[in-house]
Amino acid sequence: MVPLEEVRKMELPADVKKRLTLPFEEHFYAGHTACQGCGASLGLRYVLKAYGGKAIFTIPACCSTIIAGPWPYTALNAPLFHTAFETTGAVISGIEAALKAKGYKVKGEDGIMVIGWAGDGGTADIGLQALSGFLERGHDALYIMYDNEAYMNTGIQRSSSTPYGAWTTNTPGGKKHFLEQRPKKKVIDIVIAHKPAYAATASIAYPEDFMRKLKKAQTIKGPSFIQLFAPCPTGWRSPTDKTIELARLAVQTAYFPLFEYENGKYKINMPSPNKEPKPLEEYLKLQGRFKYMTKEDMEILQEWVLKEWEELKKKAELFG
């Protein structure tokens, strides 16, 4: 394996540089402790690439706390605050305020990016109050919710981001059929209700789109929020080599559509905007967490997905 210092010294041929769609330099070290196929670790790598080492992270109790490694080691080439489960929004608010008080530039091309990196459990549930305060106060920071749809670090328990029909350890399947019976919480809609400077959805399967949104969040004054779709093979009972395919299918079926909200306007960023969504079953069948779903369950979830998709298209039409 080539040491990071040597990677930084490498000079690529001009024709190769032209073909690169993502920055070449790495700020996510080898030796992290993520599971094979972990979508969250890939998303974290993209964020570090986007900001080139000019970022300060806050990570609450979640898988990424473990991925970064035990003190005094770290896989991130960035200052990192490990915080309590519910405090991500509050801590990035404090870091931003402290940097400004010390005279540092925050956001902008040559400024410091203050980033909250939290899972769906620490955002949609436990950290929702702190997130709301961060948005309402208008801090110049970015909150990223990496969405793997359950509390994975503590044993795959359901969160309010867990979809209808999914197996978790406290919504088990089988004869009694105790699968998740509630729809996925629309955290992005709750965020948009605060009228933030910028909000968007992204997927690890579309890194160029994600990187563009990260760069946009860097240039816009005020609070930004990105909900990043990040499959978890361990919790989803899916093959470790299917992470990207699953993340792509989630978008192509409109289960997790890509869009952004800026200055009161919606813009859909689907890779094939004129194509009808693929059948949801193509996405569901690759995951063991949905194996207990009946045909009726699948129809209920498919109906919900298409209803939400039509609602988003109407928003883009009316406020686009």
C-alpha atoms as a PDB file:
ATOM      1  CA  MET A   1       0.000   0.000   0.000  1.00  0.00           C
ATOM      2  CA  VAL A   2       1.337   3.432  -0.946  1.00  0.00           C
ATOM      3  CA  PRO A   3       1.782   5.773   2.068  1.00  0.00           C
ATOM      4  CA  LEU A   4      -0.400   8.894   2.091  1.00  0.00           C
ATOM      5  CA  GLU A   5       2.685  11.144   1.919  1.00  0.00           C
ATOM      6  CA  GLU A   6       3.741   9.462  -1.330  1.00  0.00           C
ATOM      7  CA  VAL A   7       0.234   9.740  -2.792  1.00  0.00           C
ATOM      8  CA  ARG A   8       0.329  13.496  -2.176  1.00  0.00           C
ATOM      9  CA  LYS A   9       3.613  13.783  -4.110  1.00  0.00           C
ATOM     10  CA  MET A  10       2.341  11.869  -7.143  1.00  0.00           C
ATOM     11  CA  GLU A  11       2.076  13.714 -10.426  1.00  0.00           C
ATOM     12  CA  LEU A  12      -0.562  12.407 -12.803  1.00  0.00           C
ATOM     13  CA  PRO A  13      -0.327  12.760 -16.597  1.00  0.00           C
ATOM     14  CA  ALA A  14      -2.320  15.719 -17.920  1.00  0.00           C
ATOM     15  CA  ASP A  15      -4.737  13.497 -19.884  1.00  0.00           C
ATOM     16  CA  VAL A  16      -5.476  11.462 -16.744  1.00  0.00           C
ATOM     17  CA  LYS A  17      -6.134  14.622 -14.709  1.00  0.00           C
ATOM     18  CA  LYS A  18      -8.647  15.776 -17.314  1.00  0.00           C
ATOM     19  CA  ARG A  19     -10.591  12.534 -16.963  1.00  0.00           C
ATOM     20  CA  LEU A  20     -10.780  12.667 -13.167  1.00  0.00           C
ATOM     21  CA  THR A  21     -14.224  13.679 -11.918  1.00  0.00           C
ATOM     22  CA  LEU A  22     -13.220  13.611  -8.234  1.00  0.00           C
ATOM     23  CA  PRO A  23     -10.166  15.104  -6.509  1.00  0.00           C
ATOM     24  CA  PHE A  24      -7.185  12.740  -6.570  1.00  0.00           C
ATOM     25  CA  GLU A  25      -5.842  13.542  -3.108  1.00  0.00           C
ATOM     26  CA  GLU A  26      -6.961  11.355  -0.208  1.00  0.00           C
ATOM     27  CA  HIS A  27      -7.746  12.589   3.313  1.00  0.00           C
ATOM     28  CA  PHE A  28      -9.298   9.326   4.547  1.00  0.00           C
ATOM     29  CA  TYR A  29      -6.508   7.069   5.731  1.00  0.00           C
ATOM     30  CA  ALA A  30      -6.147   3.343   5.166  1.00  0.00           C
ATOM     31  CA  GLY A  31      -6.650   1.235   8.265  1.00  0.00           C
ATOM     32  CA  HIS A  32     -10.106   2.475   9.252  1.00  0.00           C
ATOM     33  CA  THR A  33     -12.431  -0.029  10.865  1.00  0.00           C
ATOM     34  CA  ALA A  34     -15.512   0.112   8.617  1.00  0.00           C
ATOM     35  CA  CYS A  35     -17.257  -3.102   7.579  1.00  0.00           C
ATOM     36  CA  GLN A  36     -16.810  -4.346   4.028  1.00  0.00           C
ATOM     37  CA  GLY A  37     -19.111  -2.491   1.675  1.00  0.00           C
ATOM     38  CA  CYS A  38     -19.868   0.270   4.214  1.00  0.00           C
ATOM     39  CA  GLY A  39     -21.683   3.132   2.488  1.00  0.00           C
ATOM     40  CA  ALA A  40     -20.998   5.564   5.328  1.00  0.00           C
ATOM     41  CA  SER A  41     -17.220   5.229   5.036  1.00  0.00           C
ATOM     42  CA  LEU A  42     -17.388   5.892   1.301  1.00  0.00           C
ATOM     43  CA  GLY A  43     -19.486   8.996   1.906  1.00  0.00           C
ATOM     44  CA  LEU A  44     -17.026  10.219   4.527  1.00  0.00           C
ATOM     45  CA  ARG A  45     -14.183   9.750   2.041  1.00  0.00           C
ATOM     46  CA  TYR A  46     -16.008  11.946  -0.495  1.00  0.00           C
ATOM     47  CA  VAL A  47     -16.591  14.702   2.065  1.00  0.00           C
ATOM     48  CA  LEU A  48     -12.891  14.742   2.952  1.00  0.00           C
ATOM     49  CA  LYS A  49     -11.996  14.881  -0.743  1.00  0.00           C
ATOM     50  CA  ALA A  50     -14.366  17.796  -1.292  1.00  0.00           C
ATOM     51  CA  TYR A  51     -12.886  20.046   1.377  1.00  0.00           C
ATOM     52  CA  GLY A  52      -9.222  19.153   1.025  1.00  0.00           C
ATOM     53  CA  GLY A  53      -8.362  18.977   4.697  1.00  0.00           C
ATOM     54  CA  LYS A  54      -9.969  22.361   5.514  1.00  0.00           C
ATOM     55  CA  ALA A  55     -12.716  20.906   7.658  1.00  0.00           C
ATOM     56  CA  ILE A  56     -13.560  20.358  11.324  1.00  0.00           C
ATOM     57  CA  PHE A  57     -15.847  17.401  12.087  1.00  0.00           C
ATOM     58  CA  THR A  58     -18.254  16.626  14.878  1.00  0.00           C
ATOM     59  CA  ILE A  59     -19.330  12.976  15.028  1.00  0.00           C
ATOM     60  CA  PRO A  60     -21.773  11.724  17.686  1.00  0.00           C
ATOM     61  CA  ALA A  61     -22.141   8.151  18.915  1.00  0.00           C
ATOM     62  CA  CYS A  62     -22.566   6.137  15.703  1.00  0.00           C
ATOM     63  CA  CYS A  63     -20.723   3.737  13.400  1.00  0.00           C
ATOM     64  CA  SER A  64     -18.471   6.562  12.185  1.00  0.00           C
ATOM     65  CA  THR A  65     -17.149   7.100  15.699  1.00  0.00           C
ATOM     66  CA  ILE A  66     -15.741   3.571  15.481  1.00  0.00           C
ATOM     67  CA  ILE A  67     -14.686   3.894  11.826  1.00  0.00           C
ATOM     68  CA  ALA A  68     -12.463   6.867  12.657  1.00  0.00           C
ATOM     69  CA  GLY A  69     -10.495   4.662  15.065  1.00  0.00           C
ATOM     70  CA  PRO A  70      -9.628   4.684  18.785  1.00  0.00           C
ATOM     71  CA  TRP A  71      -7.719   7.560  20.328  1.00  0.00           C
ATOM     72  CA  PRO A  72      -4.909   8.524  19.734  1.00  0.00           C
ATOM     73  CA  TYR A  73      -5.351   7.212  16.177  1.00  0.00           C
ATOM     74  CA  THR A  74      -7.672   8.534  13.481  1.00  0.00           C
ATOM     75  CA  ALA A  75      -8.527   7.710   9.869  1.00  0.00           C
ATOM     76  CA  LEU A  76      -9.525  11.316   9.139  1.00  0.00           C
ATOM     77  CA  ASN A  77      -7.096  14.025   8.059  1.00  0.00           C
ATOM     78  CA  ALA A  78      -9.156  16.612   9.941  1.00  0.00           C
ATOM     79  CA  PRO A  79      -9.803  17.787  13.512  1.00  0.00           C
ATOM     80  CA  LEU A  80     -12.554  15.653  15.011  1.00  0.00           C
ATOM     81  CA  PHE A  81     -14.822  16.146  18.029  1.00  0.00           C
ATOM     82  CA  HIS A  82     -16.519  13.015  19.387  1.00  0.00           C
ATOM     83  CA  THR A  83     -19.755  14.178  20.994  1.00  0.00           C
ATOM     84  CA  ALA A  84     -22.847  12.853  22.731  1.00  0.00           C
ATOM     85  CA  PHE A  85     -25.528  11.202  20.620  1.00  0.00           C
ATOM     86  CA  GLU A  86     -27.982  14.107  20.629  1.00  0.00           C
ATOM     87  CA  THR A  87     -25.621  17.097  20.382  1.00  0.00           C
ATOM     88  CA  THR A  88     -24.339  17.302  16.789  1.00  0.00           C
ATOM     89  CA  GLY A  89     -26.321  20.419  15.870  1.00  0.00           C
ATOM     90  CA  ALA A  90     -25.351  22.165  19.112  1.00  0.00           C
ATOM     91  CA  VAL A  91     -21.639  21.331  18.854  1.00  0.00           C
ATOM     92  CA  ILE A  92     -21.209  22.504  15.248  1.00  0.00           C
ATOM     93  CA  SER A  93     -23.029  25.698  16.266  1.00  0.00           C
ATOM     94  CA  GLY A  94     -20.517  26.236  19.058  1.00  0.00           C
ATOM     95  CA  ILE A  95     -17.499  25.465  16.879  1.00  0.00           C
ATOM     96  CA  GLU A  96     -18.685  27.908  14.217  1.00  0.00           C
ATOM     97  CA  ALA A  97     -19.308  30.649  16.782  1.00  0.00           C
ATOM     98  CA  ALA A  98     -15.901  30.084  18.403  1.00  0.00           C
ATOM     99  CA  LEU A  99     -14.055  30.211  15.070  1.00  0.00           C
ATOM    100  CA  LYS A 100     -15.724  33.500  14.195  1.00  0.00           C
ATOM    101  CA  ALA A 101     -14.960  34.929  17.629  1.00  0.00           C
ATOM    102  CA  LYS A 102     -11.284  34.062  17.048  1.00  0.00           C
ATOM    103  CA  GLY A 103     -11.331  35.803  13.658  1.00  0.00           C
ATOM    104  CA  TYR A 104     -11.259  32.749  11.401  1.00  0.00           C
ATOM    105  CA  LYS A 105     -13.105  32.683   8.095  1.00  0.00           C
ATOM    106  CA  VAL A 106     -15.862  30.082   7.992  1.00  0.00           C
ATOM    107  CA  LYS A 107     -17.185  28.632   4.723  1.00  0.00           C
ATOM    108  CA  GLY A 108     -16.146  30.015   1.348  1.00  0.00           C
ATOM    109  CA  GLU A 109     -13.454  28.611  -0.918  1.00  0.00           C
ATOM    110  CA  ASP A 110     -10.602  29.412   1.491  1.00  0.00           C
ATOM    111  CA  GLY A 111     -12.587  29.180   4.729  1.00  0.00           C
ATOM    112  CA  ILE A 112     -13.015  26.401   7.286  1.00  0.00           C
ATOM    113  CA  MET A 113     -15.914  24.003   6.821  1.00  0.00           C
ATOM    114  CA  VAL A 114     -17.601  23.021  10.074  1.00  0.00           C
ATOM    115  CA  ILE A 115     -19.323  19.688   9.511  1.00  0.00           C
ATOM    116  CA  GLY A 116     -21.704  17.636  11.605  1.00  0.00           C
ATOM    117  CA  TRP A 117     -21.619  14.002  10.416  1.00  0.00           C
ATOM    118  CA  ALA A 118     -24.368  11.954  12.058  1.00  0.00           C
ATOM    119  CA  GLY A 119     -26.474   8.907  11.285  1.00  0.00           C
ATOM    120  CA  ASP A 120     -30.238   8.783  10.949  1.00  0.00           C
ATOM    121  CA  GLY A 121     -30.715   7.684  14.569  1.00  0.00           C
ATOM    122  CA  GLY A 122     -28.653  10.596  15.864  1.00  0.00           C
ATOM    123  CA  THR A 123     -30.473  12.988  13.524  1.00  0.00           C
ATOM    124  CA  ALA A 124     -34.048  11.921  12.850  1.00  0.00           C
ATOM    125  CA  ASP A 125     -34.593  10.812  16.446  1.00  0.00           C
ATOM    126  CA  ILE A 126     -32.161  11.720  19.208  1.00  0.00           C
ATOM    127  CA  GLY A 127     -30.587  14.789  17.615  1.00  0.00           C
ATOM    128  CA  LEU A 128     -33.627  16.405  16.005  1.00  0.00           C
ATOM    129  CA  GLN A 129     -33.924  19.143  18.646  1.00  0.00           C
ATOM    130  CA  ALA A 130     -30.283  20.228  18.273  1.00  0.00           C
ATOM    131  CA  LEU A 131     -30.586  20.096  14.475  1.00  0.00           C
ATOM    132  CA  SER A 132     -33.633  22.362  14.621  1.00  0.00           C
ATOM    133  CA  GLY A 133     -31.769  24.866  16.815  1.00  0.00           C
ATOM    134  CA  PHE A 134     -28.778  24.873  14.453  1.00  0.00           C
ATOM    135  CA  LEU A 135     -31.041  25.607  11.474  1.00  0.00           C
ATOM    136  CA  GLU A 136     -33.117  28.237  13.274  1.00  0.00           C
ATOM    137  CA  ARG A 137     -30.079  30.195  14.487  1.00  0.00           C
ATOM    138  CA  GLY A 138     -28.560  30.372  10.999  1.00  0.00           C
ATOM    139  CA  HIS A 139     -25.027  29.098  11.669  1.00  0.00           C
ATOM    140  CA  ASP A 140     -22.518  28.866   8.798  1.00  0.00           C
ATOM    141  CA  ALA A 141     -22.015  25.115   8.979  1.00  0.00           C
ATOM    142  CA  LEU A 142     -23.008  21.910   7.209  1.00  0.00           C
ATOM    143  CA  TYR A 143     -24.971  19.055   8.776  1.00  0.00           C
ATOM    144  CA  ILE A 144     -24.770  15.728   6.904  1.00  0.00           C
ATOM    145  CA  MET A 145     -27.112  12.921   7.882  1.00  0.00           C
ATOM    146  CA  TYR A 146     -25.799   9.663   6.484  1.00  0.00           C
ATOM    147  CA  ASP A 147     -28.913   7.560   6.185  1.00  0.00           C
ATOM    148  CA  ASN A 148     -28.549   3.797   6.640  1.00  0.00           C
ATOM    149  CA  GLU A 149     -32.082   3.508   8.023  1.00  0.00           C
ATOM    150  CA  ALA A 150     -31.455   2.021  11.495  1.00  0.00           C
ATOM    151  CA  TYR A 151     -29.269   2.181  14.597  1.00  0.00           C
ATOM    152  CA  MET A 152     -26.514   0.014  13.125  1.00  0.00           C
ATOM    153  CA  ASN A 153     -23.750   0.597  15.671  1.00  0.00           C
ATOM    154  CA  THR A 154     -25.798  -0.702  18.604  1.00  0.00           C
ATOM    155  CA  GLY A 155     -27.238  -3.809  16.969  1.00  0.00           C
ATOM    156  CA  ILE A 156     -29.564  -2.876  14.066  1.00  0.00           C
ATOM    157  CA  GLN A 157     -32.532  -1.405  15.948  1.00  0.00           C
ATOM    158  CA  ARG A 158     -35.195   0.559  14.058  1.00  0.00           C
ATOM    159  CA  SER A 159     -35.025   4.334  13.793  1.00  0.00           C
ATOM    160  CA  SER A 160     -37.728   6.655  12.512  1.00  0.00           C
ATOM    161  CA  SER A 161     -35.862   6.492   9.175  1.00  0.00           C
ATOM    162  CA  THR A 162     -36.429   2.725   8.918  1.00  0.00           C
ATOM    163  CA  PRO A 163     -38.766   2.015   5.980  1.00  0.00           C
ATOM    164  CA  TYR A 164     -42.066   0.175   6.055  1.00  0.00           C
ATOM    165  CA  GLY A 165     -41.649  -3.609   5.923  1.00  0.00           C
ATOM    166  CA  ALA A 166     -38.014  -3.704   7.049  1.00  0.00           C
ATOM    167  CA  TRP A 167     -36.587  -6.248   9.449  1.00  0.00           C
ATOM    168  CA  THR A 168     -34.571  -4.968  12.419  1.00  0.00           C
ATOM    169  CA  THR A 169     -33.778  -6.596  15.750  1.00  0.00           C
ATOM    170  CA  ASN A 170     -36.778  -4.910  17.359  1.00  0.00           C
ATOM    171  CA  THR A 171     -39.060  -5.246  14.319  1.00  0.00           C
ATOM    172  CA  PRO A 172     -38.408  -8.942  13.640  1.00  0.00           C
ATOM    173  CA  GLY A 173     -40.068 -10.867  10.833  1.00  0.00           C
ATOM    174  CA  GLY A 174     -41.286 -14.412  10.803  1.00  0.00           C
ATOM    175  CA  LYS A 175     -44.648 -15.951  11.629  1.00  0.00           C
ATOM    176  CA  LYS A 176     -45.820 -13.108  13.874  1.00  0.00           C
ATOM    177  CA  HIS A 177     -44.823 -10.527  11.267  1.00  0.00           C
ATOM    178  CA  PHE A 178     -43.692  -7.665  13.519  1.00  0.00           C
ATOM    179  CA  LEU A 179     -41.965  -5.787  10.688  1.00  0.00           C
ATOM    180  CA  GLU A 180     -41.736  -2.019  10.680  1.00  0.00           C
ATOM    181  CA  GLN A 181     -45.295  -0.737  10.129  1.00  0.00           C
ATOM    182  CA  ARG A 182     -44.632   3.006   9.795  1.00  0.00           C
ATOM    183  CA  PRO A 183     -43.324   4.922   6.784  1.00  0.00           C
ATOM    184  CA  LYS A 184     -39.862   6.465   6.735  1.00  0.00           C
ATOM    185  CA  LYS A 185     -39.698   9.887   8.410  1.00  0.00           C
ATOM    186  CA  LYS A 186     -39.106  12.672   5.867  1.00  0.00           C
ATOM    187  CA  VAL A 187     -36.278  14.439   7.673  1.00  0.00           C
ATOM    188  CA  ILE A 188     -35.444  16.539   4.616  1.00  0.00           C
ATOM    189  CA  ASP A 189     -38.978  17.986   4.713  1.00  0.00           C
ATOM    190  CA  ILE A 190     -38.604  18.869   8.399  1.00  0.00           C
ATOM    191  CA  VAL A 191     -35.332  20.634   7.567  1.00  0.00           C
ATOM    192  CA  ILE A 192     -36.866  22.554   4.644  1.00  0.00           C
ATOM    193  CA  ALA A 193     -39.670  23.754   6.938  1.00  0.00           C
ATOM    194  CA  HIS A 194     -36.944  25.792   8.716  1.00  0.00           C
ATOM    195  CA  LYS A 195     -36.184  27.598   5.411  1.00  0.00           C
ATOM    196  CA  PRO A 196     -32.432  26.866   5.489  1.00  0.00           C
ATOM    197  CA  ALA A 197     -29.919  28.397   3.111  1.00  0.00           C
ATOM    198  CA  TYR A 198     -29.474  25.072   1.351  1.00  0.00           C
ATOM    199  CA  ALA A 199     -30.764  21.498   1.671  1.00  0.00           C
ATOM    200  CA  ALA A 200     -30.299  18.488  -0.578  1.00  0.00           C
ATOM    201  CA  THR A 201     -30.403  14.723  -0.873  1.00  0.00           C
ATOM    202  CA  ALA A 202     -27.448  12.751  -2.236  1.00  0.00           C
ATOM    203  CA  SER A 203     -26.349   9.167  -2.768  1.00  0.00           C
ATOM    204  CA  ILE A 204     -22.964   7.487  -2.556  1.00  0.00           C
ATOM    205  CA  ALA A 205     -23.758   5.909  -5.953  1.00  0.00           C
ATOM    206  CA  TYR A 206     -23.608   9.354  -7.595  1.00  0.00           C
ATOM    207  CA  PRO A 207     -20.380  10.885  -6.249  1.00  0.00           C
ATOM    208  CA  GLU A 208     -20.196  13.708  -8.811  1.00  0.00           C
ATOM    209  CA  ASP A 209     -23.669  14.909  -7.796  1.00  0.00           C
ATOM    210  CA  PHE A 210     -22.747  14.607  -4.106  1.00  0.00           C
ATOM    211  CA  MET A 211     -19.468  16.478  -4.624  1.00  0.00           C
ATOM    212  CA  ARG A 212     -21.257  19.295  -6.485  1.00  0.00           C
ATOM    213  CA  LYS A 213     -23.689  19.660  -3.592  1.00  0.00           C
ATOM    214  CA  LEU A 214     -20.860  19.682  -1.065  1.00  0.00           C
ATOM    215  CA  LYS A 215     -19.172  22.473  -3.018  1.00  0.00           C
ATOM    216  CA  LYS A 216     -22.411  24.427  -3.191  1.00  0.00           C
ATOM    217  CA  ALA A 217     -22.904  24.084   0.571  1.00  0.00           C
ATOM    218  CA  GLN A 218     -19.396  25.513   0.967  1.00  0.00           C
ATOM    219  CA  THR A 219     -20.218  28.707  -0.936  1.00  0.00           C
ATOM    220  CA  ILE A 220     -23.682  29.470   0.472  1.00  0.00           C
ATOM    221  CA  LYS A 221     -23.892  31.561   3.623  1.00  0.00           C
ATOM    222  CA  GLY A 222     -26.004  30.080   6.407  1.00  0.00           C
ATOM    223  CA  PRO A 223     -26.905  26.554   7.499  1.00  0.00           C
ATOM    224  CA  SER A 224     -26.782  23.701   4.982  1.00  0.00           C
ATOM    225  CA  PHE A 225     -28.098  20.154   5.262  1.00  0.00           C
ATOM    226  CA  ILE A 226     -27.496  17.058   3.122  1.00  0.00           C
ATOM    227  CA  GLN A 227     -29.268  13.730   3.604  1.00  0.00           C
ATOM    228  CA  LEU A 228     -26.890  11.120   2.180  1.00  0.00           C
ATOM    229  CA  PHE A 229     -28.158   7.637   1.278  1.00  0.00           C
ATOM    230  CA  ALA A 230     -25.579   5.132   2.536  1.00  0.00           C
ATOM    231  CA  PRO A 231     -26.405   1.396   2.467  1.00  0.00           C
ATOM    232  CA  CYS A 232     -25.268  -0.857   5.312  1.00  0.00           C
ATOM    233  CA  PRO A 233     -24.651  -4.478   4.209  1.00  0.00           C
ATOM    234  CA  THR A 234     -24.524  -5.675   7.823  1.00  0.00           C
ATOM    235  CA  GLY A 235     -27.901  -4.246   8.801  1.00  0.00           C
ATOM    236  CA  TRP A 236     -29.564  -4.665   5.430  1.00  0.00           C
ATOM    237  CA  ARG A 237     -28.493  -8.304   5.084  1.00  0.00           C
ATOM    238  CA  SER A 238     -27.137  -7.535   1.617  1.00  0.00           C
ATOM    239  CA  PRO A 239     -23.971  -8.708  -0.192  1.00  0.00           C
ATOM    240  CA  THR A 240     -20.989  -6.471   0.513  1.00  0.00           C
ATOM    241  CA  ASP A 241     -20.342  -5.984  -3.211  1.00  0.00           C
ATOM    242  CA  LYS A 242     -23.882  -4.675  -3.862  1.00  0.00           C
ATOM    243  CA  THR A 243     -23.630  -1.385  -1.930  1.00  0.00           C
ATOM    244  CA  ILE A 244     -23.297   0.871  -4.980  1.00  0.00           C
ATOM    245  CA  GLU A 245     -25.926  -1.060  -6.921  1.00  0.00           C
ATOM    246  CA  LEU A 246     -28.381  -0.714  -4.023  1.00  0.00           C
ATOM    247  CA  ALA A 247     -27.685   2.999  -3.654  1.00  0.00           C
ATOM    248  CA  ARG A 248     -28.218   3.434  -7.384  1.00  0.00           C
ATOM    249  CA  LEU A 249     -31.449   1.417  -7.416  1.00  0.00           C
ATOM    250  CA  ALA A 250     -32.816   3.463  -4.501  1.00  0.00           C
ATOM    251  CA  VAL A 251     -32.564   6.513  -6.755  1.00  0.00           C
ATOM    252  CA  GLN A 252     -33.720   4.794  -9.961  1.00  0.00           C
ATOM    253  CA  THR A 253     -36.863   3.442  -8.249  1.00  0.00           C
ATOM    254  CA  ALA A 254     -37.555   6.924  -6.757  1.00  0.00           C
ATOM    255  CA  TYR A 255     -37.353   5.382  -3.292  1.00  0.00           C
ATOM    256  CA  PHE A 256     -34.677   7.993  -2.558  1.00  0.00           C
ATOM    257  CA  PRO A 257     -34.905  10.735  -5.219  1.00  0.00           C
ATOM    258  CA  LEU A 258     -32.113  13.273  -5.623  1.00  0.00           C
ATOM    259  CA  PHE A 259     -33.060  16.936  -5.330  1.00  0.00           C
ATOM    260  CA  GLU A 260     -31.976  20.229  -3.789  1.00  0.00           C
ATOM    261  CA  TYR A 261     -33.698  23.166  -2.130  1.00  0.00           C
ATOM    262  CA  GLU A 262     -32.219  26.651  -2.423  1.00  0.00           C
ATOM    263  CA  ASN A 263     -33.803  30.064  -1.866  1.00  0.00           C
ATOM    264  CA  GLY A 264     -37.264  28.533  -1.624  1.00  0.00           C
ATOM    265  CA  LYS A 265     -36.907  26.613  -4.894  1.00  0.00           C
ATOM    266  CA  TYR A 266     -36.799  22.876  -5.556  1.00  0.00           C
ATOM    267  CA  LYS A 267     -34.663  21.284  -8.258  1.00  0.00           C
ATOM    268  CA  ILE A 268     -34.757  17.558  -9.059  1.00  0.00           C
ATOM    269  CA  ASN A 269     -31.332  16.047  -9.888  1.00  0.00           C
ATOM    270  CA  MET A 270     -32.296  12.584 -11.094  1.00  0.00           C
ATOM    271  CA  PRO A 271     -29.741  10.971 -13.458  1.00  0.00           C
ATOM    272  CA  SER A 272     -32.479  10.130 -15.998  1.00  0.00           C
ATOM    273  CA  PRO A 273     -35.195  12.716 -15.259  1.00  0.00           C
ATOM    274  CA  ASN A 274     -37.534  11.668 -18.068  1.00  0.00           C
ATOM    275  CA  LYS A 275     -37.542   7.955 -17.257  1.00  0.00           C
ATOM    276  CA  GLU A 276     -40.280   6.347 -15.225  1.00  0.00           C
ATOM    277  CA  PRO A 277     -39.044   4.875 -11.931  1.00  0.00           C
ATOM    278  CA  LYS A 278     -38.023   1.227 -11.956  1.00  0.00           C
ATOM    279  CA  PRO A 279     -40.227  -1.220 -10.020  1.00  0.00           C
ATOM    280  CA  LEU A 280     -39.363  -1.077  -6.319  1.00  0.00           C
ATOM    281  CA  GLU A 281     -39.090  -4.873  -6.153  1.00  0.00           C
ATOM    282  CA  GLU A 282     -35.742  -4.668  -8.005  1.00  0.00           C
ATOM    283  CA  TYR A 283     -34.382  -2.771  -5.008  1.00  0.00           C
ATOM    284  CA  LEU A 284     -36.095  -4.829  -2.293  1.00  0.00           C
ATOM    285  CA  LYS A 285     -35.095  -8.285  -3.542  1.00  0.00           C
ATOM    286  CA  LEU A 286     -31.369  -7.656  -3.015  1.00  0.00           C
ATOM    287  CA  GLN A 287     -31.800  -7.195   0.748  1.00  0.00           C
ATOM    288  CA  GLY A 288     -32.452  -9.805   3.403  1.00  0.00           C
ATOM    289  CA  ARG A 289     -34.140  -7.226   5.644  1.00  0.00           C
ATOM    290  CA  PHE A 290     -37.158  -7.272   3.307  1.00  0.00           C
ATOM    291  CA  LYS A 291     -37.419 -11.056   2.935  1.00  0.00           C
ATOM    292  CA  TYR A 292     -40.444 -11.301   5.253  1.00  0.00           C
ATOM    293  CA  MET A 293     -42.516  -8.836   3.224  1.00  0.00           C
ATOM    294  CA  THR A 294     -45.664 -10.187   1.633  1.00  0.00           C
ATOM    295  CA  LYS A 295     -46.827  -9.151  -1.823  1.00  0.00           C
ATOM    296  CA  GLU A 296     -49.320  -6.848  -0.121  1.00  0.00           C
ATOM    297  CA  ASP A 297     -46.519  -5.257   1.929  1.00  0.00           C
ATOM    298  CA  MET A 298     -44.535  -4.577  -1.236  1.00  0.00           C
ATOM    299  CA  GLU A 299     -47.550  -2.999  -2.902  1.00  0.00           C
ATOM    300  CA  ILE A 300     -48.077  -0.712   0.118  1.00  0.00           C
ATOM    301  CA  LEU A 301     -44.457   0.438   0.030  1.00  0.00           C
ATOM    302  CA  GLN A 302     -44.516   0.845  -3.759  1.00  0.00           C
ATOM    303  CA  GLU A 303     -47.624   3.008  -3.498  1.00  0.00           C
ATOM    304  CA  TRP A 304     -45.982   5.192  -0.834  1.00  0.00           C
ATOM    305  CA  VAL A 305     -42.849   5.651  -2.972  1.00  0.00           C
ATOM    306  CA  LEU A 306     -44.795   6.731  -6.053  1.00  0.00           C
ATOM    307  CA  LYS A 307     -47.009   9.058  -4.018  1.00  0.00           C
ATOM    308  CA  GLU A 308     -43.959  10.776  -2.502  1.00  0.00           C
ATOM    309  CA  TRP A 309     -42.325  10.982  -5.949  1.00  0.00           C
ATOM    310  CA  GLU A 310     -45.365  12.669  -7.478  1.00  0.00           C
ATOM    311  CA  GLU A 311     -45.476  15.104  -4.549  1.00  0.00           C
ATOM    312  CA  LEU A 312     -41.822  16.027  -5.085  1.00  0.00           C
ATOM    313  CA  LYS A 313     -42.392  16.606  -8.811  1.00  0.00           C
ATOM    314  CA  LYS A 314     -45.288  18.930  -7.999  1.00  0.00           C
ATOM    315  CA  LYS A 315     -43.092  20.905  -5.596  1.00  0.00           C
ATOM    316  CA  ALA A 316     -40.426  21.253  -8.298  1.00  0.00           C
ATOM    317  CA  GLU A 317     -43.101  22.366 -10.776  1.00  0.00           C
ATOM    318  CA  LEU A 318     -44.650  24.928  -8.432  1.00  0.00           C
ATOM    319  CA  PHE A 319     -41.507  26.124  -6.670  1.00  0.00           C
ATOM    320  CA  GLY A 320     -38.825  25.383  -9.269  1.00  0.00           C
END
